[in-house]
Amino acid sequence: YSSVPPVETFDTVLYATGRSADTE
């Protein structure tokens, strides 16, 4: 693991924190 900065700038943020059943 690298050290965690308080804030960092990115061009793209991709979320991959899970999937939900598409039943709502």
PDBML (XML) file of the C-alpha atoms, coordinates in Angstrom:
<?xml version="1.0" encoding="UTF-8" ?>
<PDBx:datablock datablockName="MODEL"
   xmlns:PDBx="http://pdbml.pdb.org/schema/pdbx-v50.xsd"
   xmlns:xsi="http://www.w3.org/2001/XMLSchema-instance"
   xsi:schemaLocation="http://pdbml.pdb.org/schema/pdbx-v50.xsd pdbx-v50.xsd">
   <PDBx:atom_siteCategory>
      <PDBx:atom_site id="1">
         <PDBx:B_iso_or_equiv>0.00</PDBx:B_iso_or_equiv>
         <PDBx:Cartn_x>0.000</PDBx:Cartn_x>
         <PDBx:Cartn_y>0.000</PDBx:Cartn_y>
         <PDBx:Cartn_z>0.000</PDBx:Cartn_z>
         <PDBx:auth_asym_id>A</PDBx:auth_asym_id>
         <PDBx:auth_atom_id>CA</PDBx:auth_atom_id>
         <PDBx:auth_comp_id>TYR</PDBx:auth_comp_id>
         <PDBx:auth_seq_id>1</PDBx:auth_seq_id>
         <PDBx:group_PDB>ATOM</PDBx:group_PDB>
         <PDBx:label_alt_id xsi:nil="true" />
         <PDBx:label_asym_id>A</PDBx:label_asym_id>
         <PDBx:label_atom_id>CA</PDBx:label_atom_id>
         <PDBx:label_comp_id>TYR</PDBx:label_comp_id>
         <PDBx:label_entity_id>1</PDBx:label_entity_id>
         <PDBx:label_seq_id>1</PDBx:label_seq_id>
         <PDBx:occupancy>1.00</PDBx:occupancy>
         <PDBx:pdbx_PDB_model_num>1</PDBx:pdbx_PDB_model_num>
         <PDBx:type_symbol>C</PDBx:type_symbol>
      </PDBx:atom_site>
      <PDBx:atom_site id="2">
         <PDBx:B_iso_or_equiv>0.00</PDBx:B_iso_or_equiv>
         <PDBx:Cartn_x>1.112</PDBx:Cartn_x>
         <PDBx:Cartn_y>3.528</PDBx:Cartn_y>
         <PDBx:Cartn_z>-0.818</PDBx:Cartn_z>
         <PDBx:auth_asym_id>A</PDBx:auth_asym_id>
         <PDBx:auth_atom_id>CA</PDBx:auth_atom_id>
         <PDBx:auth_comp_id>SER</PDBx:auth_comp_id>
         <PDBx:auth_seq_id>2</PDBx:auth_seq_id>
         <PDBx:group_PDB>ATOM</PDBx:group_PDB>
         <PDBx:label_alt_id xsi:nil="true" />
         <PDBx:label_asym_id>A</PDBx:label_asym_id>
         <PDBx:label_atom_id>CA</PDBx:label_atom_id>
         <PDBx:label_comp_id>SER</PDBx:label_comp_id>
         <PDBx:label_entity_id>1</PDBx:label_entity_id>
         <PDBx:label_seq_id>2</PDBx:label_seq_id>
         <PDBx:occupancy>1.00</PDBx:occupancy>
         <PDBx:pdbx_PDB_model_num>1</PDBx:pdbx_PDB_model_num>
         <PDBx:type_symbol>C</PDBx:type_symbol>
      </PDBx:atom_site>
      <PDBx:atom_site id="3">
         <PDBx:B_iso_or_equiv>0.00</PDBx:B_iso_or_equiv>
         <PDBx:Cartn_x>0.633</PDBx:Cartn_x>
         <PDBx:Cartn_y>6.420</PDBx:Cartn_y>
         <PDBx:Cartn_z>1.571</PDBx:Cartn_z>
         <PDBx:auth_asym_id>A</PDBx:auth_asym_id>
         <PDBx:auth_atom_id>CA</PDBx:auth_atom_id>
         <PDBx:auth_comp_id>SER</PDBx:auth_comp_id>
         <PDBx:auth_seq_id>3</PDBx:auth_seq_id>
         <PDBx:group_PDB>ATOM</PDBx:group_PDB>
         <PDBx:label_alt_id xsi:nil="true" />
         <PDBx:label_asym_id>A</PDBx:label_asym_id>
         <PDBx:label_atom_id>CA</PDBx:label_atom_id>
         <PDBx:label_comp_id>SER</PDBx:label_comp_id>
         <PDBx:label_entity_id>1</PDBx:label_entity_id>
         <PDBx:label_seq_id>3</PDBx:label_seq_id>
         <PDBx:occupancy>1.00</PDBx:occupancy>
         <PDBx:pdbx_PDB_model_num>1</PDBx:pdbx_PDB_model_num>
         <PDBx:type_symbol>C</PDBx:type_symbol>
      </PDBx:atom_site>
      <PDBx:atom_site id="4">
         <PDBx:B_iso_or_equiv>0.00</PDBx:B_iso_or_equiv>
         <PDBx:Cartn_x>-2.820</PDBx:Cartn_x>
         <PDBx:Cartn_y>7.991</PDBx:Cartn_y>
         <PDBx:Cartn_z>1.376</PDBx:Cartn_z>
         <PDBx:auth_asym_id>A</PDBx:auth_asym_id>
         <PDBx:auth_atom_id>CA</PDBx:auth_atom_id>
         <PDBx:auth_comp_id>VAL</PDBx:auth_comp_id>
         <PDBx:auth_seq_id>4</PDBx:auth_seq_id>
         <PDBx:group_PDB>ATOM</PDBx:group_PDB>
         <PDBx:label_alt_id xsi:nil="true" />
         <PDBx:label_asym_id>A</PDBx:label_asym_id>
         <PDBx:label_atom_id>CA</PDBx:label_atom_id>
         <PDBx:label_comp_id>VAL</PDBx:label_comp_id>
         <PDBx:label_entity_id>1</PDBx:label_entity_id>
         <PDBx:label_seq_id>4</PDBx:label_seq_id>
         <PDBx:occupancy>1.00</PDBx:occupancy>
         <PDBx:pdbx_PDB_model_num>1</PDBx:pdbx_PDB_model_num>
         <PDBx:type_symbol>C</PDBx:type_symbol>
      </PDBx:atom_site>
      <PDBx:atom_site id="5">
         <PDBx:B_iso_or_equiv>0.00</PDBx:B_iso_or_equiv>
         <PDBx:Cartn_x>-2.930</PDBx:Cartn_x>
         <PDBx:Cartn_y>11.678</PDBx:Cartn_y>
         <PDBx:Cartn_z>0.428</PDBx:Cartn_z>
         <PDBx:auth_asym_id>A</PDBx:auth_asym_id>
         <PDBx:auth_atom_id>CA</PDBx:auth_atom_id>
         <PDBx:auth_comp_id>PRO</PDBx:auth_comp_id>
         <PDBx:auth_seq_id>5</PDBx:auth_seq_id>
         <PDBx:group_PDB>ATOM</PDBx:group_PDB>
         <PDBx:label_alt_id xsi:nil="true" />
         <PDBx:label_asym_id>A</PDBx:label_asym_id>
         <PDBx:label_atom_id>CA</PDBx:label_atom_id>
         <PDBx:label_comp_id>PRO</PDBx:label_comp_id>
         <PDBx:label_entity_id>1</PDBx:label_entity_id>
         <PDBx:label_seq_id>5</PDBx:label_seq_id>
         <PDBx:occupancy>1.00</PDBx:occupancy>
         <PDBx:pdbx_PDB_model_num>1</PDBx:pdbx_PDB_model_num>
         <PDBx:type_symbol>C</PDBx:type_symbol>
      </PDBx:atom_site>
      <PDBx:atom_site id="6">
         <PDBx:B_iso_or_equiv>0.00</PDBx:B_iso_or_equiv>
         <PDBx:Cartn_x>-5.758</PDBx:Cartn_x>
         <PDBx:Cartn_y>13.849</PDBx:Cartn_y>
         <PDBx:Cartn_z>1.822</PDBx:Cartn_z>
         <PDBx:auth_asym_id>A</PDBx:auth_asym_id>
         <PDBx:auth_atom_id>CA</PDBx:auth_atom_id>
         <PDBx:auth_comp_id>PRO</PDBx:auth_comp_id>
         <PDBx:auth_seq_id>6</PDBx:auth_seq_id>
         <PDBx:group_PDB>ATOM</PDBx:group_PDB>
         <PDBx:label_alt_id xsi:nil="true" />
         <PDBx:label_asym_id>A</PDBx:label_asym_id>
         <PDBx:label_atom_id>CA</PDBx:label_atom_id>
         <PDBx:label_comp_id>PRO</PDBx:label_comp_id>
         <PDBx:label_entity_id>1</PDBx:label_entity_id>
         <PDBx:label_seq_id>6</PDBx:label_seq_id>
         <PDBx:occupancy>1.00</PDBx:occupancy>
         <PDBx:pdbx_PDB_model_num>1</PDBx:pdbx_PDB_model_num>
         <PDBx:type_symbol>C</PDBx:type_symbol>
      </PDBx:atom_site>
      <PDBx:atom_site id="7">
         <PDBx:B_iso_or_equiv>0.00</PDBx:B_iso_or_equiv>
         <PDBx:Cartn_x>-6.715</PDBx:Cartn_x>
         <PDBx:Cartn_y>14.760</PDBx:Cartn_y>
         <PDBx:Cartn_z>-1.743</PDBx:Cartn_z>
         <PDBx:auth_asym_id>A</PDBx:auth_asym_id>
         <PDBx:auth_atom_id>CA</PDBx:auth_atom_id>
         <PDBx:auth_comp_id>VAL</PDBx:auth_comp_id>
         <PDBx:auth_seq_id>7</PDBx:auth_seq_id>
         <PDBx:group_PDB>ATOM</PDBx:group_PDB>
         <PDBx:label_alt_id xsi:nil="true" />
         <PDBx:label_asym_id>A</PDBx:label_asym_id>
         <PDBx:label_atom_id>CA</PDBx:label_atom_id>
         <PDBx:label_comp_id>VAL</PDBx:label_comp_id>
         <PDBx:label_entity_id>1</PDBx:label_entity_id>
         <PDBx:label_seq_id>7</PDBx:label_seq_id>
         <PDBx:occupancy>1.00</PDBx:occupancy>
         <PDBx:pdbx_PDB_model_num>1</PDBx:pdbx_PDB_model_num>
         <PDBx:type_symbol>C</PDBx:type_symbol>
      </PDBx:atom_site>
      <PDBx:atom_site id="8">
         <PDBx:B_iso_or_equiv>0.00</PDBx:B_iso_or_equiv>
         <PDBx:Cartn_x>-5.489</PDBx:Cartn_x>
         <PDBx:Cartn_y>13.687</PDBx:Cartn_y>
         <PDBx:Cartn_z>-5.182</PDBx:Cartn_z>
         <PDBx:auth_asym_id>A</PDBx:auth_asym_id>
         <PDBx:auth_atom_id>CA</PDBx:auth_atom_id>
         <PDBx:auth_comp_id>GLU</PDBx:auth_comp_id>
         <PDBx:auth_seq_id>8</PDBx:auth_seq_id>
         <PDBx:group_PDB>ATOM</PDBx:group_PDB>
         <PDBx:label_alt_id xsi:nil="true" />
         <PDBx:label_asym_id>A</PDBx:label_asym_id>
         <PDBx:label_atom_id>CA</PDBx:label_atom_id>
         <PDBx:label_comp_id>GLU</PDBx:label_comp_id>
         <PDBx:label_entity_id>1</PDBx:label_entity_id>
         <PDBx:label_seq_id>8</PDBx:label_seq_id>
         <PDBx:occupancy>1.00</PDBx:occupancy>
         <PDBx:pdbx_PDB_model_num>1</PDBx:pdbx_PDB_model_num>
         <PDBx:type_symbol>C</PDBx:type_symbol>
      </PDBx:atom_site>
      <PDBx:atom_site id="9">
         <PDBx:B_iso_or_equiv>0.00</PDBx:B_iso_or_equiv>
         <PDBx:Cartn_x>-6.502</PDBx:Cartn_x>
         <PDBx:Cartn_y>14.694</PDBx:Cartn_y>
         <PDBx:Cartn_z>-8.695</PDBx:Cartn_z>
         <PDBx:auth_asym_id>A</PDBx:auth_asym_id>
         <PDBx:auth_atom_id>CA</PDBx:auth_atom_id>
         <PDBx:auth_comp_id>THR</PDBx:auth_comp_id>
         <PDBx:auth_seq_id>9</PDBx:auth_seq_id>
         <PDBx:group_PDB>ATOM</PDBx:group_PDB>
         <PDBx:label_alt_id xsi:nil="true" />
         <PDBx:label_asym_id>A</PDBx:label_asym_id>
         <PDBx:label_atom_id>CA</PDBx:label_atom_id>
         <PDBx:label_comp_id>THR</PDBx:label_comp_id>
         <PDBx:label_entity_id>1</PDBx:label_entity_id>
         <PDBx:label_seq_id>9</PDBx:label_seq_id>
         <PDBx:occupancy>1.00</PDBx:occupancy>
         <PDBx:pdbx_PDB_model_num>1</PDBx:pdbx_PDB_model_num>
         <PDBx:type_symbol>C</PDBx:type_symbol>
      </PDBx:atom_site>
      <PDBx:atom_site id="10">
         <PDBx:B_iso_or_equiv>0.00</PDBx:B_iso_or_equiv>
         <PDBx:Cartn_x>-7.575</PDBx:Cartn_x>
         <PDBx:Cartn_y>12.138</PDBx:Cartn_y>
         <PDBx:Cartn_z>-11.297</PDBx:Cartn_z>
         <PDBx:auth_asym_id>A</PDBx:auth_asym_id>
         <PDBx:auth_atom_id>CA</PDBx:auth_atom_id>
         <PDBx:auth_comp_id>PHE</PDBx:auth_comp_id>
         <PDBx:auth_seq_id>10</PDBx:auth_seq_id>
         <PDBx:group_PDB>ATOM</PDBx:group_PDB>
         <PDBx:label_alt_id xsi:nil="true" />
         <PDBx:label_asym_id>A</PDBx:label_asym_id>
         <PDBx:label_atom_id>CA</PDBx:label_atom_id>
         <PDBx:label_comp_id>PHE</PDBx:label_comp_id>
         <PDBx:label_entity_id>1</PDBx:label_entity_id>
         <PDBx:label_seq_id>10</PDBx:label_seq_id>
         <PDBx:occupancy>1.00</PDBx:occupancy>
         <PDBx:pdbx_PDB_model_num>1</PDBx:pdbx_PDB_model_num>
         <PDBx:type_symbol>C</PDBx:type_symbol>
      </PDBx:atom_site>
      <PDBx:atom_site id="11">
         <PDBx:B_iso_or_equiv>0.00</PDBx:B_iso_or_equiv>
         <PDBx:Cartn_x>-8.948</PDBx:Cartn_x>
         <PDBx:Cartn_y>12.313</PDBx:Cartn_y>
         <PDBx:Cartn_z>-14.820</PDBx:Cartn_z>
         <PDBx:auth_asym_id>A</PDBx:auth_asym_id>
         <PDBx:auth_atom_id>CA</PDBx:auth_atom_id>
         <PDBx:auth_comp_id>ASP</PDBx:auth_comp_id>
         <PDBx:auth_seq_id>11</PDBx:auth_seq_id>
         <PDBx:group_PDB>ATOM</PDBx:group_PDB>
         <PDBx:label_alt_id xsi:nil="true" />
         <PDBx:label_asym_id>A</PDBx:label_asym_id>
         <PDBx:label_atom_id>CA</PDBx:label_atom_id>
         <PDBx:label_comp_id>ASP</PDBx:label_comp_id>
         <PDBx:label_entity_id>1</PDBx:label_entity_id>
         <PDBx:label_seq_id>11</PDBx:label_seq_id>
         <PDBx:occupancy>1.00</PDBx:occupancy>
         <PDBx:pdbx_PDB_model_num>1</PDBx:pdbx_PDB_model_num>
         <PDBx:type_symbol>C</PDBx:type_symbol>
      </PDBx:atom_site>
      <PDBx:atom_site id="12">
         <PDBx:B_iso_or_equiv>0.00</PDBx:B_iso_or_equiv>
         <PDBx:Cartn_x>-11.357</PDBx:Cartn_x>
         <PDBx:Cartn_y>9.436</PDBx:Cartn_y>
         <PDBx:Cartn_z>-14.228</PDBx:Cartn_z>
         <PDBx:auth_asym_id>A</PDBx:auth_asym_id>
         <PDBx:auth_atom_id>CA</PDBx:auth_atom_id>
         <PDBx:auth_comp_id>THR</PDBx:auth_comp_id>
         <PDBx:auth_seq_id>12</PDBx:auth_seq_id>
         <PDBx:group_PDB>ATOM</PDBx:group_PDB>
         <PDBx:label_alt_id xsi:nil="true" />
         <PDBx:label_asym_id>A</PDBx:label_asym_id>
         <PDBx:label_atom_id>CA</PDBx:label_atom_id>
         <PDBx:label_comp_id>THR</PDBx:label_comp_id>
         <PDBx:label_entity_id>1</PDBx:label_entity_id>
         <PDBx:label_seq_id>12</PDBx:label_seq_id>
         <PDBx:occupancy>1.00</PDBx:occupancy>
         <PDBx:pdbx_PDB_model_num>1</PDBx:pdbx_PDB_model_num>
         <PDBx:type_symbol>C</PDBx:type_symbol>
      </PDBx:atom_site>
      <PDBx:atom_site id="13">
         <PDBx:B_iso_or_equiv>0.00</PDBx:B_iso_or_equiv>
         <PDBx:Cartn_x>-12.885</PDBx:Cartn_x>
         <PDBx:Cartn_y>7.784</PDBx:Cartn_y>
         <PDBx:Cartn_z>-11.158</PDBx:Cartn_z>
         <PDBx:auth_asym_id>A</PDBx:auth_asym_id>
         <PDBx:auth_atom_id>CA</PDBx:auth_atom_id>
         <PDBx:auth_comp_id>VAL</PDBx:auth_comp_id>
         <PDBx:auth_seq_id>13</PDBx:auth_seq_id>
         <PDBx:group_PDB>ATOM</PDBx:group_PDB>
         <PDBx:label_alt_id xsi:nil="true" />
         <PDBx:label_asym_id>A</PDBx:label_asym_id>
         <PDBx:label_atom_id>CA</PDBx:label_atom_id>
         <PDBx:label_comp_id>VAL</PDBx:label_comp_id>
         <PDBx:label_entity_id>1</PDBx:label_entity_id>
         <PDBx:label_seq_id>13</PDBx:label_seq_id>
         <PDBx:occupancy>1.00</PDBx:occupancy>
         <PDBx:pdbx_PDB_model_num>1</PDBx:pdbx_PDB_model_num>
         <PDBx:type_symbol>C</PDBx:type_symbol>
      </PDBx:atom_site>
      <PDBx:atom_site id="14">
         <PDBx:B_iso_or_equiv>0.00</PDBx:B_iso_or_equiv>
         <PDBx:Cartn_x>-14.291</PDBx:Cartn_x>
         <PDBx:Cartn_y>4.300</PDBx:Cartn_y>
         <PDBx:Cartn_z>-11.716</PDBx:Cartn_z>
         <PDBx:auth_asym_id>A</PDBx:auth_asym_id>
         <PDBx:auth_atom_id>CA</PDBx:auth_atom_id>
         <PDBx:auth_comp_id>LEU</PDBx:auth_comp_id>
         <PDBx:auth_seq_id>14</PDBx:auth_seq_id>
         <PDBx:group_PDB>ATOM</PDBx:group_PDB>
         <PDBx:label_alt_id xsi:nil="true" />
         <PDBx:label_asym_id>A</PDBx:label_asym_id>
         <PDBx:label_atom_id>CA</PDBx:label_atom_id>
         <PDBx:label_comp_id>LEU</PDBx:label_comp_id>
         <PDBx:label_entity_id>1</PDBx:label_entity_id>
         <PDBx:label_seq_id>14</PDBx:label_seq_id>
         <PDBx:occupancy>1.00</PDBx:occupancy>
         <PDBx:pdbx_PDB_model_num>1</PDBx:pdbx_PDB_model_num>
         <PDBx:type_symbol>C</PDBx:type_symbol>
      </PDBx:atom_site>
      <PDBx:atom_site id="15">
         <PDBx:B_iso_or_equiv>0.00</PDBx:B_iso_or_equiv>
         <PDBx:Cartn_x>-16.469</PDBx:Cartn_x>
         <PDBx:Cartn_y>2.791</PDBx:Cartn_y>
         <PDBx:Cartn_z>-8.979</PDBx:Cartn_z>
         <PDBx:auth_asym_id>A</PDBx:auth_asym_id>
         <PDBx:auth_atom_id>CA</PDBx:auth_atom_id>
         <PDBx:auth_comp_id>TYR</PDBx:auth_comp_id>
         <PDBx:auth_seq_id>15</PDBx:auth_seq_id>
         <PDBx:group_PDB>ATOM</PDBx:group_PDB>
         <PDBx:label_alt_id xsi:nil="true" />
         <PDBx:label_asym_id>A</PDBx:label_asym_id>
         <PDBx:label_atom_id>CA</PDBx:label_atom_id>
         <PDBx:label_comp_id>TYR</PDBx:label_comp_id>
         <PDBx:label_entity_id>1</PDBx:label_entity_id>
         <PDBx:label_seq_id>15</PDBx:label_seq_id>
         <PDBx:occupancy>1.00</PDBx:occupancy>
         <PDBx:pdbx_PDB_model_num>1</PDBx:pdbx_PDB_model_num>
         <PDBx:type_symbol>C</PDBx:type_symbol>
      </PDBx:atom_site>
      <PDBx:atom_site id="16">
         <PDBx:B_iso_or_equiv>0.00</PDBx:B_iso_or_equiv>
         <PDBx:Cartn_x>-16.303</PDBx:Cartn_x>
         <PDBx:Cartn_y>-0.979</PDBx:Cartn_y>
         <PDBx:Cartn_z>-8.482</PDBx:Cartn_z>
         <PDBx:auth_asym_id>A</PDBx:auth_asym_id>
         <PDBx:auth_atom_id>CA</PDBx:auth_atom_id>
         <PDBx:auth_comp_id>ALA</PDBx:auth_comp_id>
         <PDBx:auth_seq_id>16</PDBx:auth_seq_id>
         <PDBx:group_PDB>ATOM</PDBx:group_PDB>
         <PDBx:label_alt_id xsi:nil="true" />
         <PDBx:label_asym_id>A</PDBx:label_asym_id>
         <PDBx:label_atom_id>CA</PDBx:label_atom_id>
         <PDBx:label_comp_id>ALA</PDBx:label_comp_id>
         <PDBx:label_entity_id>1</PDBx:label_entity_id>
         <PDBx:label_seq_id>16</PDBx:label_seq_id>
         <PDBx:occupancy>1.00</PDBx:occupancy>
         <PDBx:pdbx_PDB_model_num>1</PDBx:pdbx_PDB_model_num>
         <PDBx:type_symbol>C</PDBx:type_symbol>
      </PDBx:atom_site>
      <PDBx:atom_site id="17">
         <PDBx:B_iso_or_equiv>0.00</PDBx:B_iso_or_equiv>
         <PDBx:Cartn_x>-17.733</PDBx:Cartn_x>
         <PDBx:Cartn_y>-1.353</PDBx:Cartn_y>
         <PDBx:Cartn_z>-4.999</PDBx:Cartn_z>
         <PDBx:auth_asym_id>A</PDBx:auth_asym_id>
         <PDBx:auth_atom_id>CA</PDBx:auth_atom_id>
         <PDBx:auth_comp_id>THR</PDBx:auth_comp_id>
         <PDBx:auth_seq_id>17</PDBx:auth_seq_id>
         <PDBx:group_PDB>ATOM</PDBx:group_PDB>
         <PDBx:label_alt_id xsi:nil="true" />
         <PDBx:label_asym_id>A</PDBx:label_asym_id>
         <PDBx:label_atom_id>CA</PDBx:label_atom_id>
         <PDBx:label_comp_id>THR</PDBx:label_comp_id>
         <PDBx:label_entity_id>1</PDBx:label_entity_id>
         <PDBx:label_seq_id>17</PDBx:label_seq_id>
         <PDBx:occupancy>1.00</PDBx:occupancy>
         <PDBx:pdbx_PDB_model_num>1</PDBx:pdbx_PDB_model_num>
         <PDBx:type_symbol>C</PDBx:type_symbol>
      </PDBx:atom_site>
      <PDBx:atom_site id="18">
         <PDBx:B_iso_or_equiv>0.00</PDBx:B_iso_or_equiv>
         <PDBx:Cartn_x>-20.327</PDBx:Cartn_x>
         <PDBx:Cartn_y>-3.975</PDBx:Cartn_y>
         <PDBx:Cartn_z>-5.782</PDBx:Cartn_z>
         <PDBx:auth_asym_id>A</PDBx:auth_asym_id>
         <PDBx:auth_atom_id>CA</PDBx:auth_atom_id>
         <PDBx:auth_comp_id>GLY</PDBx:auth_comp_id>
         <PDBx:auth_seq_id>18</PDBx:auth_seq_id>
         <PDBx:group_PDB>ATOM</PDBx:group_PDB>
         <PDBx:label_alt_id xsi:nil="true" />
         <PDBx:label_asym_id>A</PDBx:label_asym_id>
         <PDBx:label_atom_id>CA</PDBx:label_atom_id>
         <PDBx:label_comp_id>GLY</PDBx:label_comp_id>
         <PDBx:label_entity_id>1</PDBx:label_entity_id>
         <PDBx:label_seq_id>18</PDBx:label_seq_id>
         <PDBx:occupancy>1.00</PDBx:occupancy>
         <PDBx:pdbx_PDB_model_num>1</PDBx:pdbx_PDB_model_num>
         <PDBx:type_symbol>C</PDBx:type_symbol>
      </PDBx:atom_site>
      <PDBx:atom_site id="19">
         <PDBx:B_iso_or_equiv>0.00</PDBx:B_iso_or_equiv>
         <PDBx:Cartn_x>-23.433</PDBx:Cartn_x>
         <PDBx:Cartn_y>-4.739</PDBx:Cartn_y>
         <PDBx:Cartn_z>-7.786</PDBx:Cartn_z>
         <PDBx:auth_asym_id>A</PDBx:auth_asym_id>
         <PDBx:auth_atom_id>CA</PDBx:auth_atom_id>
         <PDBx:auth_comp_id>ARG</PDBx:auth_comp_id>
         <PDBx:auth_seq_id>19</PDBx:auth_seq_id>
         <PDBx:group_PDB>ATOM</PDBx:group_PDB>
         <PDBx:label_alt_id xsi:nil="true" />
         <PDBx:label_asym_id>A</PDBx:label_asym_id>
         <PDBx:label_atom_id>CA</PDBx:label_atom_id>
         <PDBx:label_comp_id>ARG</PDBx:label_comp_id>
         <PDBx:label_entity_id>1</PDBx:label_entity_id>
         <PDBx:label_seq_id>19</PDBx:label_seq_id>
         <PDBx:occupancy>1.00</PDBx:occupancy>
         <PDBx:pdbx_PDB_model_num>1</PDBx:pdbx_PDB_model_num>
         <PDBx:type_symbol>C</PDBx:type_symbol>
      </PDBx:atom_site>
      <PDBx:atom_site id="20">
         <PDBx:B_iso_or_equiv>0.00</PDBx:B_iso_or_equiv>
         <PDBx:Cartn_x>-27.102</PDBx:Cartn_x>
         <PDBx:Cartn_y>-4.738</PDBx:Cartn_y>
         <PDBx:Cartn_z>-6.813</PDBx:Cartn_z>
         <PDBx:auth_asym_id>A</PDBx:auth_asym_id>
         <PDBx:auth_atom_id>CA</PDBx:auth_atom_id>
         <PDBx:auth_comp_id>SER</PDBx:auth_comp_id>
         <PDBx:auth_seq_id>20</PDBx:auth_seq_id>
         <PDBx:group_PDB>ATOM</PDBx:group_PDB>
         <PDBx:label_alt_id xsi:nil="true" />
         <PDBx:label_asym_id>A</PDBx:label_asym_id>
         <PDBx:label_atom_id>CA</PDBx:label_atom_id>
         <PDBx:label_comp_id>SER</PDBx:label_comp_id>
         <PDBx:label_entity_id>1</PDBx:label_entity_id>
         <PDBx:label_seq_id>20</PDBx:label_seq_id>
         <PDBx:occupancy>1.00</PDBx:occupancy>
         <PDBx:pdbx_PDB_model_num>1</PDBx:pdbx_PDB_model_num>
         <PDBx:type_symbol>C</PDBx:type_symbol>
      </PDBx:atom_site>
      <PDBx:atom_site id="21">
         <PDBx:B_iso_or_equiv>0.00</PDBx:B_iso_or_equiv>
         <PDBx:Cartn_x>-29.804</PDBx:Cartn_x>
         <PDBx:Cartn_y>-7.051</PDBx:Cartn_y>
         <PDBx:Cartn_z>-8.108</PDBx:Cartn_z>
         <PDBx:auth_asym_id>A</PDBx:auth_asym_id>
         <PDBx:auth_atom_id>CA</PDBx:auth_atom_id>
         <PDBx:auth_comp_id>ALA</PDBx:auth_comp_id>
         <PDBx:auth_seq_id>21</PDBx:auth_seq_id>
         <PDBx:group_PDB>ATOM</PDBx:group_PDB>
         <PDBx:label_alt_id xsi:nil="true" />
         <PDBx:label_asym_id>A</PDBx:label_asym_id>
         <PDBx:label_atom_id>CA</PDBx:label_atom_id>
         <PDBx:label_comp_id>ALA</PDBx:label_comp_id>
         <PDBx:label_entity_id>1</PDBx:label_entity_id>
         <PDBx:label_seq_id>21</PDBx:label_seq_id>
         <PDBx:occupancy>1.00</PDBx:occupancy>
         <PDBx:pdbx_PDB_model_num>1</PDBx:pdbx_PDB_model_num>
         <PDBx:type_symbol>C</PDBx:type_symbol>
      </PDBx:atom_site>
      <PDBx:atom_site id="22">
         <PDBx:B_iso_or_equiv>0.00</PDBx:B_iso_or_equiv>
         <PDBx:Cartn_x>-31.838</PDBx:Cartn_x>
         <PDBx:Cartn_y>-5.100</PDBx:Cartn_y>
         <PDBx:Cartn_z>-10.682</PDBx:Cartn_z>
         <PDBx:auth_asym_id>A</PDBx:auth_asym_id>
         <PDBx:auth_atom_id>CA</PDBx:auth_atom_id>
         <PDBx:auth_comp_id>ASP</PDBx:auth_comp_id>
         <PDBx:auth_seq_id>22</PDBx:auth_seq_id>
         <PDBx:group_PDB>ATOM</PDBx:group_PDB>
         <PDBx:label_alt_id xsi:nil="true" />
         <PDBx:label_asym_id>A</PDBx:label_asym_id>
         <PDBx:label_atom_id>CA</PDBx:label_atom_id>
         <PDBx:label_comp_id>ASP</PDBx:label_comp_id>
         <PDBx:label_entity_id>1</PDBx:label_entity_id>
         <PDBx:label_seq_id>22</PDBx:label_seq_id>
         <PDBx:occupancy>1.00</PDBx:occupancy>
         <PDBx:pdbx_PDB_model_num>1</PDBx:pdbx_PDB_model_num>
         <PDBx:type_symbol>C</PDBx:type_symbol>
      </PDBx:atom_site>
      <PDBx:atom_site id="23">
         <PDBx:B_iso_or_equiv>0.00</PDBx:B_iso_or_equiv>
         <PDBx:Cartn_x>-35.217</PDBx:Cartn_x>
         <PDBx:Cartn_y>-5.791</PDBx:Cartn_y>
         <PDBx:Cartn_z>-9.055</PDBx:Cartn_z>
         <PDBx:auth_asym_id>A</PDBx:auth_asym_id>
         <PDBx:auth_atom_id>CA</PDBx:auth_atom_id>
         <PDBx:auth_comp_id>THR</PDBx:auth_comp_id>
         <PDBx:auth_seq_id>23</PDBx:auth_seq_id>
         <PDBx:group_PDB>ATOM</PDBx:group_PDB>
         <PDBx:label_alt_id xsi:nil="true" />
         <PDBx:label_asym_id>A</PDBx:label_asym_id>
         <PDBx:label_atom_id>CA</PDBx:label_atom_id>
         <PDBx:label_comp_id>THR</PDBx:label_comp_id>
         <PDBx:label_entity_id>1</PDBx:label_entity_id>
         <PDBx:label_seq_id>23</PDBx:label_seq_id>
         <PDBx:occupancy>1.00</PDBx:occupancy>
         <PDBx:pdbx_PDB_model_num>1</PDBx:pdbx_PDB_model_num>
         <PDBx:type_symbol>C</PDBx:type_symbol>
      </PDBx:atom_site>
      <PDBx:atom_site id="24">
         <PDBx:B_iso_or_equiv>0.00</PDBx:B_iso_or_equiv>
         <PDBx:Cartn_x>-36.174</PDBx:Cartn_x>
         <PDBx:Cartn_y>-2.475</PDBx:Cartn_y>
         <PDBx:Cartn_z>-7.455</PDBx:Cartn_z>
         <PDBx:auth_asym_id>A</PDBx:auth_asym_id>
         <PDBx:auth_atom_id>CA</PDBx:auth_atom_id>
         <PDBx:auth_comp_id>GLU</PDBx:auth_comp_id>
         <PDBx:auth_seq_id>24</PDBx:auth_seq_id>
         <PDBx:group_PDB>ATOM</PDBx:group_PDB>
         <PDBx:label_alt_id xsi:nil="true" />
         <PDBx:label_asym_id>A</PDBx:label_asym_id>
         <PDBx:label_atom_id>CA</PDBx:label_atom_id>
         <PDBx:label_comp_id>GLU</PDBx:label_comp_id>
         <PDBx:label_entity_id>1</PDBx:label_entity_id>
         <PDBx:label_seq_id>24</PDBx:label_seq_id>
         <PDBx:occupancy>1.00</PDBx:occupancy>
         <PDBx:pdbx_PDB_model_num>1</PDBx:pdbx_PDB_model_num>
         <PDBx:type_symbol>C</PDBx:type_symbol>
      </PDBx:atom_site>
   </PDBx:atom_siteCategory>
</PDBx:datablock>
